[in-house]
Amino acid sequence: MMAEKSPERLALETRANDLGVKAPGNIGDKKLAARIKAREAEIAAQDTKPVMGASGAAADDGREQQAGAKVAP
């Protein structure tokens, strides 16, 4: 007989499913949480990359460049 899953475990599994994290059913809570955290970090890293426009230039993020100011690429 299988033990009932805790609310915390169910929340982990739901979050993993939402993020597309694949894991076997017998994975431990700590390992599943680590995979979720890694996936969230991947998503956050993708969100910080500049979006390229049709011209190939990075999209304007609204910051104005001051004369003589150095701007990181």
N, C-alpha and C. Protein backbone atom coordinates (compact mmCIF):
# COMPACT_ATOMS: atom_id res chain seq x y z
N MET A 1 0.84 -1.18 0.00
CA MET A 1 0.00 0.00 0.00
C MET A 1 0.88 1.24 0.00
N MET A 2 0.55 2.20 -0.86
CA MET A 2 1.34 3.43 -0.96
C MET A 2 0.88 4.43 0.09
N ALA A 3 1.83 5.13 0.65
CA ALA A 3 1.51 6.17 1.62
C ALA A 3 0.94 7.38 0.88
N GLU A 4 0.08 8.11 1.58
CA GLU A 4 -0.46 9.33 0.98
C GLU A 4 0.64 10.36 0.86
N LYS A 5 0.54 11.19 -0.17
CA LYS A 5 1.54 12.23 -0.37
C LYS A 5 1.18 13.44 0.49
N SER A 6 2.22 14.06 1.03
CA SER A 6 2.01 15.25 1.86
C SER A 6 1.62 16.43 0.96
N PRO A 7 0.99 17.44 1.55
CA PRO A 7 0.66 18.64 0.76
C PRO A 7 1.91 19.28 0.15
N GLU A 8 3.03 19.22 0.88
CA GLU A 8 4.28 19.78 0.36
C GLU A 8 4.74 19.02 -0.88
N ARG A 9 4.63 17.69 -0.83
CA ARG A 9 5.03 16.86 -1.97
C ARG A 9 4.13 17.13 -3.17
N LEU A 10 2.84 17.22 -2.93
CA LEU A 10 1.91 17.50 -4.01
C LEU A 10 2.21 18.86 -4.64
N ALA A 11 2.57 19.84 -3.82
CA ALA A 11 2.92 21.17 -4.34
C ALA A 11 4.18 21.09 -5.19
N LEU A 12 5.18 20.31 -4.74
CA LEU A 12 6.41 20.13 -5.52
C LEU A 12 6.09 19.50 -6.87
N GLU A 13 5.29 18.45 -6.87
CA GLU A 13 4.95 17.76 -8.11
C GLU A 13 4.17 18.66 -9.06
N THR A 14 3.28 19.48 -8.52
CA THR A 14 2.52 20.41 -9.34
C THR A 14 3.45 21.44 -9.97
N ARG A 15 4.36 21.99 -9.16
CA ARG A 15 5.31 23.00 -9.67
C ARG A 15 6.22 22.37 -10.74
N ALA A 16 6.69 21.17 -10.49
CA ALA A 16 7.55 20.48 -11.46
C ALA A 16 6.81 20.28 -12.78
N ASN A 17 5.57 19.87 -12.69
CA ASN A 17 4.76 19.66 -13.89
C ASN A 17 4.56 20.97 -14.65
N ASP A 18 4.27 22.05 -13.92
CA ASP A 18 4.07 23.36 -14.54
C ASP A 18 5.32 23.82 -15.29
N LEU A 19 6.50 23.48 -14.76
CA LEU A 19 7.76 23.91 -15.36
C LEU A 19 8.29 22.93 -16.41
N GLY A 20 7.62 21.78 -16.55
CA GLY A 20 8.08 20.77 -17.50
C GLY A 20 9.26 19.97 -16.99
N VAL A 21 9.43 19.91 -15.68
CA VAL A 21 10.53 19.14 -15.07
C VAL A 21 10.13 17.67 -15.08
N LYS A 22 10.97 16.86 -15.68
CA LYS A 22 10.72 15.41 -15.72
C LYS A 22 11.44 14.75 -14.56
N ALA A 23 10.73 13.86 -13.88
CA ALA A 23 11.33 13.16 -12.75
C ALA A 23 10.57 11.85 -12.52
N PRO A 24 11.29 10.81 -12.12
CA PRO A 24 10.61 9.55 -11.81
C PRO A 24 9.77 9.72 -10.55
N GLY A 25 8.77 8.88 -10.41
CA GLY A 25 7.88 8.96 -9.26
C GLY A 25 8.55 8.71 -7.93
N ASN A 26 9.69 8.02 -7.95
CA ASN A 26 10.35 7.69 -6.69
C ASN A 26 11.47 8.67 -6.32
N ILE A 27 11.54 9.82 -6.98
CA ILE A 27 12.55 10.82 -6.66
C ILE A 27 12.22 11.44 -5.29
N GLY A 28 13.24 11.74 -4.53
CA GLY A 28 13.05 12.34 -3.21
C GLY A 28 12.66 13.81 -3.31
N ASP A 29 12.07 14.32 -2.24
CA ASP A 29 11.63 15.71 -2.21
C ASP A 29 12.79 16.69 -2.43
N LYS A 30 13.92 16.45 -1.78
CA LYS A 30 15.06 17.37 -1.91
C LYS A 30 15.58 17.41 -3.33
N LYS A 31 15.69 16.25 -3.96
CA LYS A 31 16.20 16.19 -5.33
C LYS A 31 15.21 16.84 -6.29
N LEU A 32 13.92 16.61 -6.09
CA LEU A 32 12.90 17.22 -6.94
C LEU A 32 12.93 18.74 -6.77
N ALA A 33 13.05 19.20 -5.53
CA ALA A 33 13.13 20.65 -5.28
C ALA A 33 14.36 21.25 -5.96
N ALA A 34 15.47 20.53 -5.97
CA ALA A 34 16.69 21.01 -6.63
C ALA A 34 16.48 21.12 -8.13
N ARG A 35 15.79 20.15 -8.72
CA ARG A 35 15.52 20.20 -10.17
C ARG A 35 14.60 21.37 -10.50
N ILE A 36 13.63 21.61 -9.65
CA ILE A 36 12.72 22.74 -9.84
C ILE A 36 13.50 24.04 -9.77
N LYS A 37 14.35 24.16 -8.77
CA LYS A 37 15.15 25.38 -8.60
C LYS A 37 16.06 25.61 -9.81
N ALA A 38 16.66 24.54 -10.32
CA ALA A 38 17.53 24.66 -11.50
C ALA A 38 16.73 25.11 -12.71
N ARG A 39 15.54 24.57 -12.89
CA ARG A 39 14.69 24.95 -14.03
C ARG A 39 14.26 26.41 -13.91
N GLU A 40 13.90 26.84 -12.69
CA GLU A 40 13.52 28.23 -12.48
C GLU A 40 14.68 29.16 -12.80
N ALA A 41 15.90 28.75 -12.46
CA ALA A 41 17.09 29.55 -12.77
C ALA A 41 17.29 29.65 -14.28
N GLU A 42 17.07 28.54 -15.00
CA GLU A 42 17.17 28.55 -16.47
C GLU A 42 16.18 29.54 -17.07
N ILE A 43 14.97 29.51 -16.56
CA ILE A 43 13.92 30.40 -17.07
C ILE A 43 14.28 31.85 -16.77
N ALA A 44 14.76 32.12 -15.57
CA ALA A 44 15.15 33.48 -15.19
C ALA A 44 16.28 33.98 -16.07
N ALA A 45 17.23 33.11 -16.39
CA ALA A 45 18.36 33.50 -17.25
C ALA A 45 17.87 33.82 -18.66
N GLN A 46 16.90 33.09 -19.14
CA GLN A 46 16.36 33.36 -20.47
C GLN A 46 15.62 34.69 -20.49
N ASP A 47 14.96 35.03 -19.39
CA ASP A 47 14.20 36.27 -19.31
C ASP A 47 15.10 37.50 -19.29
N THR A 48 16.37 37.35 -18.91
CA THR A 48 17.27 38.50 -18.82
C THR A 48 18.05 38.75 -20.09
N LYS A 49 17.98 37.84 -21.06
CA LYS A 49 18.69 38.03 -22.32
C LYS A 49 17.95 39.08 -23.14
N PRO A 50 18.69 39.97 -23.83
CA PRO A 50 18.02 40.97 -24.66
C PRO A 50 17.29 40.31 -25.82
N VAL A 51 16.17 40.87 -26.16
CA VAL A 51 15.37 40.36 -27.27
C VAL A 51 15.84 41.06 -28.54
N MET A 52 16.14 40.29 -29.55
CA MET A 52 16.62 40.87 -30.80
C MET A 52 15.44 41.26 -31.68
N GLY A 53 15.50 42.47 -32.24
CA GLY A 53 14.47 42.94 -33.14
C GLY A 53 14.72 42.44 -34.55
N ALA A 54 13.87 42.82 -35.47
CA ALA A 54 13.99 42.38 -36.86
C ALA A 54 15.31 42.84 -37.49
N SER A 55 15.84 43.97 -37.01
CA SER A 55 17.08 44.49 -37.57
C SER A 55 18.30 43.76 -37.03
N GLY A 56 18.10 42.92 -36.02
CA GLY A 56 19.21 42.22 -35.41
C GLY A 56 19.78 42.97 -34.21
N ALA A 57 19.26 44.16 -33.96
CA ALA A 57 19.72 44.95 -32.82
C ALA A 57 18.88 44.60 -31.60
N ALA A 58 19.47 44.72 -30.45
CA ALA A 58 18.74 44.46 -29.21
C ALA A 58 17.61 45.47 -29.08
N ALA A 59 16.51 45.03 -28.54
CA ALA A 59 15.36 45.90 -28.35
C ALA A 59 15.71 46.99 -27.34
N ASP A 60 15.15 48.19 -27.55
CA ASP A 60 15.37 49.31 -26.65
C ASP A 60 14.69 49.01 -25.33
N ASP A 61 15.44 49.10 -24.24
CA ASP A 61 14.86 48.79 -22.94
C ASP A 61 14.39 50.05 -22.21
N GLY A 62 14.41 51.19 -22.89
CA GLY A 62 13.89 52.41 -22.29
C GLY A 62 14.94 53.27 -21.62
N ARG A 63 16.15 52.78 -21.45
CA ARG A 63 17.20 53.59 -20.83
C ARG A 63 17.79 54.53 -21.87
N GLU A 64 17.96 55.77 -21.48
CA GLU A 64 18.57 56.73 -22.39
C GLU A 64 20.07 56.74 -22.16
N GLN A 65 20.81 56.84 -23.24
CA GLN A 65 22.26 56.86 -23.15
C GLN A 65 22.70 58.32 -23.05
N GLN A 66 23.52 58.62 -22.05
CA GLN A 66 24.04 59.97 -21.89
C GLN A 66 25.28 60.11 -22.75
N ALA A 67 25.55 61.31 -23.19
CA ALA A 67 26.72 61.57 -24.03
C ALA A 67 27.98 61.16 -23.28
N GLY A 68 28.80 60.34 -23.91
CA GLY A 68 30.05 59.92 -23.31
C GLY A 68 29.93 58.77 -22.34
N ALA A 69 28.72 58.34 -22.04
CA ALA A 69 28.53 57.24 -21.09
C ALA A 69 28.83 55.93 -21.79
N LYS A 70 29.47 55.04 -21.07
CA LYS A 70 29.76 53.73 -21.63
C LYS A 70 28.62 52.79 -21.28
N VAL A 71 28.15 52.08 -22.27
CA VAL A 71 27.04 51.16 -22.09
C VAL A 71 27.53 49.76 -22.43
N ALA A 72 27.28 48.83 -21.55
CA ALA A 72 27.68 47.44 -21.80
C ALA A 72 26.88 46.89 -22.97
N PRO A 73 27.50 46.06 -23.79
CA PRO A 73 26.78 45.48 -24.94
C PRO A 73 25.67 44.56 -24.51
